Amino acid sequence: MDQATLIDILHHRFTDHPDRHPAVKWDDIVSRLSPEMLRSLDWMEQTGGEPDIVAMPNGQWVFVDCAAESPSGRRSLCYDEAALEKRKKNKPAGSAVAEAVAHGVALLTEDLYRHLQTIQPFDVKTSSWIETPEAIRTQGGALFCDRRYDHVFVYHNGADSYYANRGFRTYLMLGTI
């Protein structure tokens, strides 16, 4: 979509959810958006992520996928390229890590996922791959999260698995405001 339309969508979302970014002015956000960031945000939006700015406990500000469920345009993918190559049958279309890297964003960490859940409930019907520590990944596993029973759960699965209701959430660092 064109940049003006994207900025308008982001502005509306920013205005509709002031609890995600208290004491921040839209002008401070939009003035920091580079063409590269806008391309990443456009991809986040086009794949169903509904990106919005979120305040982090460390004072950083990030654009993060705030769709109620794992973004619909990023599901049925295995964790990373090594997992994709490992699959011999019924390969998915790609991997979460490769998609994120290709679009200039990163998978949520466990800490960021848990922080996002303090803002409002997410992934109550779906689940999302998250950044997986190398010690787990080298053994063939990968981590994903969801929210059930009003509690955030972190699980493991084979990195080469994929499901129609599992996608991935991403973030884009904006910096300190």
Protein backbone atom coordinates (compact mmCIF):
# COMPACT_ATOMS: atom_id res chain seq x y z
CA MET A 1 0.00 0.00 0.00
CA ASP A 2 1.18 3.57 -0.38
CA GLN A 3 2.95 5.25 2.55
CA ALA A 4 0.20 7.81 3.20
CA THR A 5 -2.43 5.09 3.58
CA LEU A 6 -0.17 3.04 5.85
CA ILE A 7 0.63 6.06 8.04
CA ASP A 8 -3.09 6.83 8.28
CA ILE A 9 -3.84 3.24 9.41
CA LEU A 10 -1.04 3.35 11.99
CA HIS A 11 -2.23 6.74 13.24
CA HIS A 12 -5.79 5.48 13.69
CA ARG A 13 -4.57 2.43 15.60
CA PHE A 14 -2.30 4.65 17.73
CA THR A 15 -5.26 6.89 18.57
CA ASP A 16 -7.61 3.97 19.27
CA HIS A 17 -5.24 2.30 21.77
CA PRO A 18 -3.61 4.95 23.98
CA ASP A 19 -3.04 2.38 26.76
CA ARG A 20 -0.33 0.75 24.63
CA HIS A 21 1.78 3.91 24.54
CA PRO A 22 0.98 6.34 27.38
CA ALA A 23 2.44 9.82 27.19
CA VAL A 24 3.72 9.44 23.62
CA LYS A 25 2.77 11.84 20.85
CA TRP A 26 2.10 10.62 17.34
CA ASP A 27 4.40 13.28 15.89
CA ASP A 28 7.32 11.80 17.87
CA ILE A 29 6.61 8.41 16.30
CA VAL A 30 5.98 9.38 12.71
CA SER A 31 9.06 11.62 12.58
CA ARG A 32 11.27 8.55 13.22
CA LEU A 33 9.83 6.36 10.47
CA SER A 34 12.39 5.67 7.74
CA PRO A 35 11.48 4.23 4.33
CA GLU A 36 12.90 0.86 5.47
CA MET A 37 10.75 0.89 8.60
CA LEU A 38 7.68 1.75 6.57
CA ARG A 39 8.35 -1.20 4.24
CA SER A 40 8.57 -3.50 7.27
CA LEU A 41 5.43 -2.01 8.82
CA ASP A 42 3.60 -2.39 5.52
CA TRP A 43 4.47 -6.10 5.48
CA MET A 44 3.37 -6.44 9.11
CA GLU A 45 0.06 -4.79 8.22
CA GLN A 46 -0.48 -6.71 4.96
CA THR A 47 0.04 -10.07 6.71
CA GLY A 48 -2.51 -9.28 9.44
CA GLY A 49 -0.23 -8.15 12.26
CA GLU A 50 -1.96 -4.85 13.05
CA PRO A 51 1.29 -3.20 14.25
CA ASP A 52 1.14 -0.58 16.97
CA ILE A 53 3.71 1.15 19.14
CA VAL A 54 4.23 -0.39 22.59
CA ALA A 55 6.20 0.91 25.55
CA MET A 56 8.74 -1.55 26.94
CA PRO A 57 9.75 -1.68 30.62
CA ASN A 58 13.33 -0.69 29.70
CA GLY A 59 12.19 2.60 28.14
CA GLN A 60 12.37 1.36 24.54
CA TRP A 61 9.52 1.71 22.11
CA VAL A 62 8.71 -0.95 19.54
CA PHE A 63 6.17 -1.52 16.83
CA VAL A 64 4.74 -4.94 17.59
CA ASP A 65 2.00 -7.11 16.10
CA CYS A 66 -1.11 -6.33 18.14
CA ALA A 67 -3.64 -8.48 16.24
CA ALA A 68 -5.79 -10.40 18.71
CA GLU A 69 -4.68 -13.72 17.19
CA SER A 70 -1.44 -14.76 15.54
CA PRO A 71 -1.32 -12.91 12.20
CA SER A 72 -3.38 -14.82 9.65
CA GLY A 73 -0.94 -14.20 6.79
CA ARG A 74 1.93 -15.80 8.72
CA ARG A 75 0.61 -19.21 9.71
CA SER A 76 1.43 -22.78 8.71
CA LEU A 77 5.18 -22.15 8.69
CA CYS A 78 7.89 -24.13 10.43
CA TYR A 79 10.33 -22.31 12.71
CA ASP A 80 13.44 -21.70 10.55
CA GLU A 81 15.19 -22.69 7.33
CA ALA A 82 17.08 -25.60 8.93
CA ALA A 83 13.73 -27.05 10.01
CA LEU A 84 12.28 -26.46 6.54
CA GLU A 85 15.20 -28.29 4.91
CA LYS A 86 14.80 -31.18 7.37
CA ARG A 87 11.21 -31.86 6.28
CA LYS A 88 11.05 -34.43 3.52
CA LYS A 89 7.25 -34.64 3.15
CA ASN A 90 4.51 -32.02 3.26
CA LYS A 91 6.86 -29.06 3.47
CA PRO A 92 5.23 -25.78 4.47
CA ALA A 93 5.60 -22.71 2.25
CA GLY A 94 8.44 -21.33 4.36
CA SER A 95 9.71 -20.54 7.81
CA ALA A 96 8.92 -17.92 10.42
CA VAL A 97 12.53 -16.82 10.93
CA ALA A 98 13.25 -16.46 7.20
CA GLU A 99 10.07 -14.43 6.65
CA ALA A 100 10.90 -12.11 9.54
CA VAL A 101 14.48 -11.56 8.38
CA ALA A 102 13.38 -10.98 4.78
CA HIS A 103 11.09 -8.19 5.95
CA GLY A 104 13.42 -6.45 8.41
CA VAL A 105 11.68 -7.51 11.62
CA ALA A 106 12.35 -10.03 14.40
CA LEU A 107 10.32 -12.71 16.16
CA LEU A 108 9.15 -11.74 19.62
CA THR A 109 11.32 -12.88 22.49
CA GLU A 110 9.67 -14.62 25.42
CA ASP A 111 10.05 -11.44 27.52
CA LEU A 112 8.45 -9.27 24.83
CA TYR A 113 5.64 -11.79 24.34
CA ARG A 114 4.92 -11.83 28.08
CA HIS A 115 5.02 -8.02 28.22
CA LEU A 116 2.59 -7.79 25.31
CA GLN A 117 0.21 -10.04 27.25
CA THR A 118 0.15 -7.51 30.12
CA ILE A 119 -1.45 -4.98 27.78
CA GLN A 120 -4.33 -7.20 26.67
CA PRO A 121 -4.97 -10.90 26.00
CA PHE A 122 -3.48 -12.18 22.72
CA ASP A 123 -3.44 -15.64 21.11
CA VAL A 124 -6.39 -17.08 23.00
CA LYS A 125 -7.27 -19.30 20.00
CA THR A 126 -3.92 -19.44 18.17
CA SER A 127 -0.25 -19.71 19.08
CA SER A 128 2.91 -17.90 17.94
CA TRP A 129 6.49 -19.03 17.42
CA ILE A 130 8.94 -16.98 19.49
CA GLU A 131 12.70 -16.53 19.35
CA THR A 132 14.24 -19.80 20.51
CA PRO A 133 17.50 -20.09 22.44
CA GLU A 134 20.28 -21.80 20.50
CA ALA A 135 20.60 -24.54 23.15
CA ILE A 136 17.03 -25.64 22.37
CA ARG A 137 17.29 -25.07 18.64
CA THR A 138 20.43 -27.22 18.24
CA GLN A 139 18.47 -30.15 19.65
CA GLY A 140 15.74 -29.74 17.04
CA GLY A 141 13.23 -27.85 19.15
CA ALA A 142 11.61 -24.44 18.98
CA LEU A 143 9.41 -22.43 21.34
CA PHE A 144 5.91 -21.06 20.90
CA CYS A 145 3.45 -19.29 23.18
CA ASP A 146 -0.24 -18.76 23.65
CA ARG A 147 -2.70 -17.63 26.28
CA ARG A 148 -5.16 -20.08 27.79
CA TYR A 149 -7.06 -20.04 31.09
CA ASP A 150 -5.93 -16.42 31.56
CA HIS A 151 -2.31 -17.59 31.72
CA VAL A 152 0.59 -17.26 29.26
CA PHE A 153 2.14 -20.60 28.35
CA VAL A 154 5.50 -21.29 26.70
CA TYR A 155 5.74 -24.64 24.96
CA HIS A 156 8.19 -26.55 22.80
CA ASN A 157 7.73 -28.44 19.58
CA GLY A 158 9.90 -29.81 16.83
CA ALA A 159 11.08 -26.81 14.81
CA ASP A 160 9.95 -28.54 11.61
CA SER A 161 6.33 -28.74 12.78
CA TYR A 162 3.68 -26.37 11.48
CA TYR A 163 0.00 -25.86 12.15
CA ALA A 164 -2.82 -23.85 10.65
CA ASN A 165 -3.36 -22.02 13.94
CA ARG A 166 0.33 -21.28 14.68
CA GLY A 167 1.95 -18.21 13.22
CA PHE A 168 4.47 -15.74 14.50
CA ARG A 169 4.46 -12.22 15.90
CA THR A 170 7.16 -9.70 15.09
CA TYR A 171 8.54 -6.43 16.32
CA LEU A 172 10.43 -3.48 14.94
CA MET A 173 12.56 -1.41 17.30
CA LEU A 174 11.85 2.31 17.24
CA GLY A 175 14.19 3.34 20.07
CA THR A 176 13.86 5.59 23.12
CA ILE A 177 11.40 8.46 22.94
